[in-house]
Amino acid sequence: MEVGEFYEAAYNVTPAHADDIHAAMFESSELEVFTESGGQRRKANTITITDTIKLKSQRSFFSIFFDPSKNR
């Protein structure tokens, strides 16, 4: 989802300020923000409306308990 689309959805629900939304994105353990060229944003104050918000990759539940690289 593009940041601009996210703004539209958030502003329809809440009077949140853009800086507050950016800070919340970076505080979230589940979101990542990427530039148009694919680089990851490192600071909340550099987010632009053309950036993309993605869910972070999650490790599989089974990979925690089962590692096929180890011989058992």
PDB file of N, CA and C in Angstrom:
ATOM      1  N   MET A   1       0.850  -1.164   0.000  1.00  0.00           N
ATOM      2  CA  MET A   1       0.000   0.000   0.000  1.00  0.00           C
ATOM      3  C   MET A   1       0.902   1.234   0.000  1.00  0.00           C
ATOM      4  N   GLU A   2       0.586   2.193  -0.852  1.00  0.00           N
ATOM      5  CA  GLU A   2       1.348   3.429  -0.859  1.00  0.00           C
ATOM      6  C   GLU A   2       0.980   4.272   0.356  1.00  0.00           C
ATOM      7  N   VAL A   3       1.935   5.041   0.829  1.00  0.00           N
ATOM      8  CA  VAL A   3       1.714   5.899   1.991  1.00  0.00           C
ATOM      9  C   VAL A   3       0.558   6.856   1.730  1.00  0.00           C
ATOM     10  N   GLY A   4       0.456   7.388   0.506  1.00  0.00           N
ATOM     11  CA  GLY A   4      -0.641   8.295   0.171  1.00  0.00           C
ATOM     12  C   GLY A   4      -2.009   7.651   0.356  1.00  0.00           C
ATOM     13  N   GLU A   5      -2.141   6.393  -0.047  1.00  0.00           N
ATOM     14  CA  GLU A   5      -3.403   5.659   0.134  1.00  0.00           C
ATOM     15  C   GLU A   5      -3.679   5.454   1.619  1.00  0.00           C
ATOM     16  N   PHE A   6      -2.626   5.164   2.370  1.00  0.00           N
ATOM     17  CA  PHE A   6      -2.767   4.976   3.814  1.00  0.00           C
ATOM     18  C   PHE A   6      -3.241   6.270   4.475  1.00  0.00           C
ATOM     19  N   TYR A   7      -2.677   7.414   4.047  1.00  0.00           N
ATOM     20  CA  TYR A   7      -3.112   8.707   4.574  1.00  0.00           C
ATOM     21  C   TYR A   7      -4.603   8.899   4.362  1.00  0.00           C
ATOM     22  N   GLU A   8      -5.050   8.630   3.146  1.00  0.00           N
ATOM     23  CA  GLU A   8      -6.473   8.809   2.835  1.00  0.00           C
ATOM     24  C   GLU A   8      -7.346   7.985   3.770  1.00  0.00           C
ATOM     25  N   ALA A   9      -6.967   6.749   3.998  1.00  0.00           N
ATOM     26  CA  ALA A   9      -7.749   5.876   4.885  1.00  0.00           C
ATOM     27  C   ALA A   9      -7.678   6.366   6.333  1.00  0.00           C
ATOM     28  N   ALA A  10      -6.492   6.752   6.779  1.00  0.00           N
ATOM     29  CA  ALA A  10      -6.316   7.191   8.167  1.00  0.00           C
ATOM     30  C   ALA A  10      -7.028   8.510   8.422  1.00  0.00           C
ATOM     31  N   TYR A  11      -6.931   9.440   7.477  1.00  0.00           N
ATOM     32  CA  TYR A  11      -7.554  10.745   7.668  1.00  0.00           C
ATOM     33  C   TYR A  11      -9.072  10.658   7.639  1.00  0.00           C
ATOM     34  N   ASN A  12      -9.614   9.640   6.986  1.00  0.00           N
ATOM     35  CA  ASN A  12     -11.061   9.457   6.993  1.00  0.00           C
ATOM     36  C   ASN A  12     -11.550   8.953   8.340  1.00  0.00           C
ATOM     37  N   VAL A  13     -10.655   8.346   9.117  1.00  0.00           N
ATOM     38  CA  VAL A  13     -11.042   7.747  10.386  1.00  0.00           C
ATOM     39  C   VAL A  13     -10.602   8.593  11.572  1.00  0.00           C
ATOM     40  N   THR A  14      -9.482   9.282  11.445  1.00  0.00           N
ATOM     41  CA  THR A  14      -8.908  10.002  12.582  1.00  0.00           C
ATOM     42  C   THR A  14      -8.300  11.330  12.127  1.00  0.00           C
ATOM     43  N   PRO A  15      -8.241  12.313  13.021  1.00  0.00           N
ATOM     44  CA  PRO A  15      -7.612  13.591  12.670  1.00  0.00           C
ATOM     45  C   PRO A  15      -6.094  13.581  12.887  1.00  0.00           C
ATOM     46  N   ALA A  16      -5.480  12.422  12.803  1.00  0.00           N
ATOM     47  CA  ALA A  16      -4.046  12.278  13.068  1.00  0.00           C
ATOM     48  C   ALA A  16      -3.213  13.147  12.137  1.00  0.00           C
ATOM     49  N   HIS A  17      -2.144  13.663  12.648  1.00  0.00           N
ATOM     50  CA  HIS A  17      -1.192  14.478  11.898  1.00  0.00           C
ATOM     51  C   HIS A  17      -0.195  13.547  11.216  1.00  0.00           C
ATOM     52  N   ALA A  18       0.335  13.928  10.051  1.00  0.00           N
ATOM     53  CA  ALA A  18       1.252  13.075   9.284  1.00  0.00           C
ATOM     54  C   ALA A  18       2.453  12.646  10.124  1.00  0.00           C
ATOM     55  N   ASP A  19       3.002  13.546  10.932  1.00  0.00           N
ATOM     56  CA  ASP A  19       4.158  13.184  11.772  1.00  0.00           C
ATOM     57  C   ASP A  19       3.804  12.078  12.756  1.00  0.00           C
ATOM     58  N   ASP A  20       2.591  12.119  13.291  1.00  0.00           N
ATOM     59  CA  ASP A  20       2.139  11.079  14.221  1.00  0.00           C
ATOM     60  C   ASP A  20       2.014   9.732  13.512  1.00  0.00           C
ATOM     61  N   ILE A  21       1.499   9.770  12.289  1.00  0.00           N
ATOM     62  CA  ILE A  21       1.345   8.544  11.503  1.00  0.00           C
ATOM     63  C   ILE A  21       2.717   7.958  11.170  1.00  0.00           C
ATOM     64  N   HIS A  22       3.656   8.802  10.765  1.00  0.00           N
ATOM     65  CA  HIS A  22       5.010   8.335  10.451  1.00  0.00           C
ATOM     66  C   HIS A  22       5.663   7.700  11.679  1.00  0.00           C
ATOM     67  N   ALA A  23       5.543   8.340  12.829  1.00  0.00           N
ATOM     68  CA  ALA A  23       6.129   7.805  14.057  1.00  0.00           C
ATOM     69  C   ALA A  23       5.516   6.448  14.391  1.00  0.00           C
ATOM     70  N   ALA A  24       4.206   6.320  14.224  1.00  0.00           N
ATOM     71  CA  ALA A  24       3.533   5.053  14.513  1.00  0.00           C
ATOM     72  C   ALA A  24       4.016   3.947  13.581  1.00  0.00           C
ATOM     73  N   MET A  25       4.282   4.280  12.311  1.00  0.00           N
ATOM     74  CA  MET A  25       4.794   3.284  11.367  1.00  0.00           C
ATOM     75  C   MET A  25       6.136   2.739  11.838  1.00  0.00           C
ATOM     76  N   PHE A  26       7.007   3.618  12.302  1.00  0.00           N
ATOM     77  CA  PHE A  26       8.332   3.189  12.728  1.00  0.00           C
ATOM     78  C   PHE A  26       8.318   2.501  14.082  1.00  0.00           C
ATOM     79  N   GLU A  27       7.345   2.807  14.922  1.00  0.00           N
ATOM     80  CA  GLU A  27       7.234   2.144  16.218  1.00  0.00           C
ATOM     81  C   GLU A  27       6.627   0.755  16.083  1.00  0.00           C
ATOM     82  N   SER A  28       5.931   0.511  14.996  1.00  0.00           N
ATOM     83  CA  SER A  28       5.299  -0.788  14.774  1.00  0.00           C
ATOM     84  C   SER A  28       6.347  -1.856  14.496  1.00  0.00           C
ATOM     85  N   SER A  29       6.186  -2.985  15.143  1.00  0.00           N
ATOM     86  CA  SER A  29       7.098  -4.111  14.906  1.00  0.00           C
ATOM     87  C   SER A  29       6.664  -4.921  13.687  1.00  0.00           C
ATOM     88  N   GLU A  30       5.565  -4.535  13.057  1.00  0.00           N
ATOM     89  CA  GLU A  30       5.019  -5.310  11.947  1.00  0.00           C
ATOM     90  C   GLU A  30       5.109  -4.616  10.591  1.00  0.00           C
ATOM     91  N   LEU A  31       5.542  -3.344  10.557  1.00  0.00           N
ATOM     92  CA  LEU A  31       5.560  -2.603   9.296  1.00  0.00           C
ATOM     93  C   LEU A  31       6.966  -2.179   8.895  1.00  0.00           C
ATOM     94  N   GLU A  32       7.157  -2.058   7.574  1.00  0.00           N
ATOM     95  CA  GLU A  32       8.374  -1.501   7.000  1.00  0.00           C
ATOM     96  C   GLU A  32       7.959  -0.498   5.938  1.00  0.00           C
ATOM     97  N   VAL A  33       8.766   0.540   5.732  1.00  0.00           N
ATOM     98  CA  VAL A  33       8.479   1.551   4.730  1.00  0.00           C
ATOM     99  C   VAL A  33       9.632   1.569   3.732  1.00  0.00           C
ATOM    100  N   PHE A  34       9.280   1.504   2.432  1.00  0.00           N
ATOM    101  CA  PHE A  34      10.272   1.464   1.366  1.00  0.00           C
ATOM    102  C   PHE A  34      10.084   2.635   0.408  1.00  0.00           C
ATOM    103  N   THR A  35      11.199   3.113  -0.155  1.00  0.00           N
ATOM    104  CA  THR A  35      11.175   4.183  -1.154  1.00  0.00           C
ATOM    105  C   THR A  35      10.695   3.612  -2.484  1.00  0.00           C
ATOM    106  N   GLU A  36      10.448   4.500  -3.443  1.00  0.00           N
ATOM    107  CA  GLU A  36      10.037   4.060  -4.785  1.00  0.00           C
ATOM    108  C   GLU A  36      11.096   3.168  -5.430  1.00  0.00           C
ATOM    109  N   SER A  37      12.364   3.414  -5.117  1.00  0.00           N
ATOM    110  CA  SER A  37      13.450   2.621  -5.713  1.00  0.00           C
ATOM    111  C   SER A  37      13.739   1.333  -4.935  1.00  0.00           C
ATOM    112  N   GLY A  38      12.994   1.086  -3.852  1.00  0.00           N
ATOM    113  CA  GLY A  38      13.138  -0.163  -3.115  1.00  0.00           C
ATOM    114  C   GLY A  38      13.990  -0.098  -1.869  1.00  0.00           C
ATOM    115  N   GLY A  39      14.561   1.051  -1.572  1.00  0.00           N
ATOM    116  CA  GLY A  39      15.354   1.200  -0.357  1.00  0.00           C
ATOM    117  C   GLY A  39      14.466   1.319   0.869  1.00  0.00           C
ATOM    118  N   GLN A  40      14.938   0.858   1.994  1.00  0.00           N
ATOM    119  CA  GLN A  40      14.148   0.915   3.220  1.00  0.00           C
ATOM    120  C   GLN A  40      14.356   2.259   3.913  1.00  0.00           C
ATOM    121  N   ARG A  41      13.255   2.884   4.335  1.00  0.00           N
ATOM    122  CA  ARG A  41      13.331   4.139   5.078  1.00  0.00           C
ATOM    123  C   ARG A  41      13.852   3.851   6.472  1.00  0.00           C
ATOM    124  N   ARG A  42      14.733   4.711   6.960  1.00  0.00           N
ATOM    125  CA  ARG A  42      15.345   4.543   8.286  1.00  0.00           C
ATOM    126  C   ARG A  42      14.852   5.564   9.298  1.00  0.00           C
ATOM    127  N   LYS A  43      14.231   6.651   8.810  1.00  0.00           N
ATOM    128  CA  LYS A  43      13.758   7.706   9.708  1.00  0.00           C
ATOM    129  C   LYS A  43      12.344   8.101   9.332  1.00  0.00           C
ATOM    130  N   ALA A  44      11.521   8.350  10.338  1.00  0.00           N
ATOM    131  CA  ALA A  44      10.122   8.693  10.117  1.00  0.00           C
ATOM    132  C   ALA A  44       9.964  10.003   9.356  1.00  0.00           C
ATOM    133  N   ASN A  45      10.845  10.971   9.596  1.00  0.00           N
ATOM    134  CA  ASN A  45      10.668  12.282   8.968  1.00  0.00           C
ATOM    135  C   ASN A  45      11.052  12.310   7.491  1.00  0.00           C
ATOM    136  N   THR A  46      11.495  11.186   6.936  1.00  0.00           N
ATOM    137  CA  THR A  46      11.844  11.141   5.517  1.00  0.00           C
ATOM    138  C   THR A  46      10.784  10.448   4.659  1.00  0.00           C
ATOM    139  N   ILE A  47       9.704   9.991   5.257  1.00  0.00           N
ATOM    140  CA  ILE A  47       8.645   9.293   4.523  1.00  0.00           C
ATOM    141  C   ILE A  47       7.932  10.251   3.575  1.00  0.00           C
ATOM    142  N   THR A  48       7.676   9.769   2.348  1.00  0.00           N
ATOM    143  CA  THR A  48       6.924  10.562   1.361  1.00  0.00           C
ATOM    144  C   THR A  48       5.676   9.783   0.944  1.00  0.00           C
ATOM    145  N   ILE A  49       4.759  10.466   0.277  1.00  0.00           N
ATOM    146  CA  ILE A  49       3.494   9.815  -0.102  1.00  0.00           C
ATOM    147  C   ILE A  49       3.675   8.749  -1.170  1.00  0.00           C
ATOM    148  N   THR A  50       4.796   8.726  -1.856  1.00  0.00           N
ATOM    149  CA  THR A  50       5.027   7.710  -2.891  1.00  0.00           C
ATOM    150  C   THR A  50       5.748   6.482  -2.341  1.00  0.00           C
ATOM    151  N   ASP A  51       6.103   6.492  -1.063  1.00  0.00           N
ATOM    152  CA  ASP A  51       6.717   5.322  -0.434  1.00  0.00           C
ATOM    153  C   ASP A  51       5.686   4.214  -0.284  1.00  0.00           C
ATOM    154  N   THR A  52       6.164   3.013  -0.024  1.00  0.00           N
ATOM    155  CA  THR A  52       5.300   1.843   0.114  1.00  0.00           C
ATOM    156  C   THR A  52       5.417   1.272   1.518  1.00  0.00           C
ATOM    157  N   ILE A  53       4.274   0.915   2.093  1.00  0.00           N
ATOM    158  CA  ILE A  53       4.227   0.279   3.408  1.00  0.00           C
ATOM    159  C   ILE A  53       4.035  -1.207   3.184  1.00  0.00           C
ATOM    160  N   LYS A  54       4.850  -2.015   3.846  1.00  0.00           N
ATOM    161  CA  LYS A  54       4.731  -3.477   3.737  1.00  0.00           C
ATOM    162  C   LYS A  54       4.759  -4.100   5.118  1.00  0.00           C
ATOM    163  N   LEU A  55       4.113  -5.262   5.209  1.00  0.00           N
ATOM    164  CA  LEU A  55       4.215  -6.050   6.431  1.00  0.00           C
ATOM    165  C   LEU A  55       5.580  -6.710   6.462  1.00  0.00           C
ATOM    166  N   LYS A  56       6.203  -6.752   7.627  1.00  0.00           N
ATOM    167  CA  LYS A  56       7.501  -7.418   7.757  1.00  0.00           C
ATOM    168  C   LYS A  56       7.327  -8.918   7.569  1.00  0.00           C
ATOM    169  N   SER A  57       8.365  -9.549   7.055  1.00  0.00           N
ATOM    170  CA  SER A  57       8.349 -11.002   6.902  1.00  0.00           C
ATOM    171  C   SER A  57       8.289 -11.635   8.276  1.00  0.00           C
ATOM    172  N   GLN A  58       7.532 -12.696   8.368  1.00  0.00           N
ATOM    173  CA  GLN A  58       7.429 -13.402   9.634  1.00  0.00           C
ATOM    174  C   GLN A  58       8.033 -14.781   9.477  1.00  0.00           C
ATOM    175  N   ARG A  59       8.747 -15.199  10.499  1.00  0.00           N
ATOM    176  CA  ARG A  59       9.302 -16.543  10.488  1.00  0.00           C
ATOM    177  C   ARG A  59       8.172 -17.544  10.653  1.00  0.00           C
ATOM    178  N   SER A  60       8.297 -18.631   9.990  1.00  0.00           N
ATOM    179  CA  SER A  60       7.314 -19.699  10.111  1.00  0.00           C
ATOM    180  C   SER A  60       7.344 -20.270  11.519  1.00  0.00           C
ATOM    181  N   PHE A  61       6.196 -20.636  12.025  1.00  0.00           N
ATOM    182  CA  PHE A  61       6.105 -21.262  13.338  1.00  0.00           C
ATOM    183  C   PHE A  61       6.964 -22.516  13.374  1.00  0.00           C
ATOM    184  N   PHE A  62       6.962 -23.268  12.290  1.00  0.00           N
ATOM    185  CA  PHE A  62       7.702 -24.526  12.256  1.00  0.00           C
ATOM    186  C   PHE A  62       9.206 -24.330  12.179  1.00  0.00           C
ATOM    187  N   SER A  63       9.654 -23.205  11.623  1.00  0.00           N
ATOM    188  CA  SER A  63      11.092 -22.984  11.527  1.00  0.00           C
ATOM    189  C   SER A  63      11.720 -22.754  12.890  1.00  0.00           C
ATOM    190  N   ILE A  64      10.918 -22.385  13.856  1.00  0.00           N
ATOM    191  CA  ILE A  64      11.421 -22.196  15.211  1.00  0.00           C
ATOM    192  C   ILE A  64      11.791 -23.549  15.824  1.00  0.00           C
ATOM    193  N   PHE A  65      11.016 -24.570  15.518  1.00  0.00           N
ATOM    194  CA  PHE A  65      11.201 -25.884  16.131  1.00  0.00           C
ATOM    195  C   PHE A  65      11.908 -26.891  15.230  1.00  0.00           C
ATOM    196  N   PHE A  66      11.905 -26.624  13.936  1.00  0.00           N
ATOM    197  CA  PHE A  66      12.466 -27.585  13.011  1.00  0.00           C
ATOM    198  C   PHE A  66      13.458 -26.908  12.085  1.00  0.00           C
ATOM    199  N   ASP A  67      14.690 -27.318  12.137  1.00  0.00           N
ATOM    200  CA  ASP A  67      15.725 -26.759  11.266  1.00  0.00           C
ATOM    201  C   ASP A  67      16.231 -27.885  10.403  1.00  0.00           C
ATOM    202  N   PRO A  68      15.843 -27.923   9.107  1.00  0.00           N
ATOM    203  CA  PRO A  68      16.222 -29.045   8.239  1.00  0.00           C
ATOM    204  C   PRO A  68      17.735 -29.125   7.998  1.00  0.00           C
ATOM    205  N   SER A  69      18.471 -28.075   8.325  1.00  0.00           N
ATOM    206  CA  SER A  69      19.926 -28.122   8.115  1.00  0.00           C
ATOM    207  C   SER A  69      20.636 -28.906   9.218  1.00  0.00           C
ATOM    208  N   LYS A  70      19.929 -29.182  10.303  1.00  0.00           N
ATOM    209  CA  LYS A  70      20.538 -29.962  11.396  1.00  0.00           C
ATOM    210  C   LYS A  70      20.145 -31.424  11.259  1.00  0.00           C
ATOM    211  N   ASN A  71      21.110 -32.300  11.379  1.00  0.00           N
ATOM    212  CA  ASN A  71      20.827 -33.736  11.334  1.00  0.00           C
ATOM    213  C   ASN A  71      20.398 -34.182  12.718  1.00  0.00           C
ATOM    214  N   ARG A  72      19.327 -34.915  12.763  1.00  0.00           N
ATOM    215  CA  ARG A  72      18.828 -35.409  14.057  1.00  0.00           C
ATOM    216  C   ARG A  72      18.855 -36.897  14.084  1.00  0.00           C
TER     217      ARG A  72
END
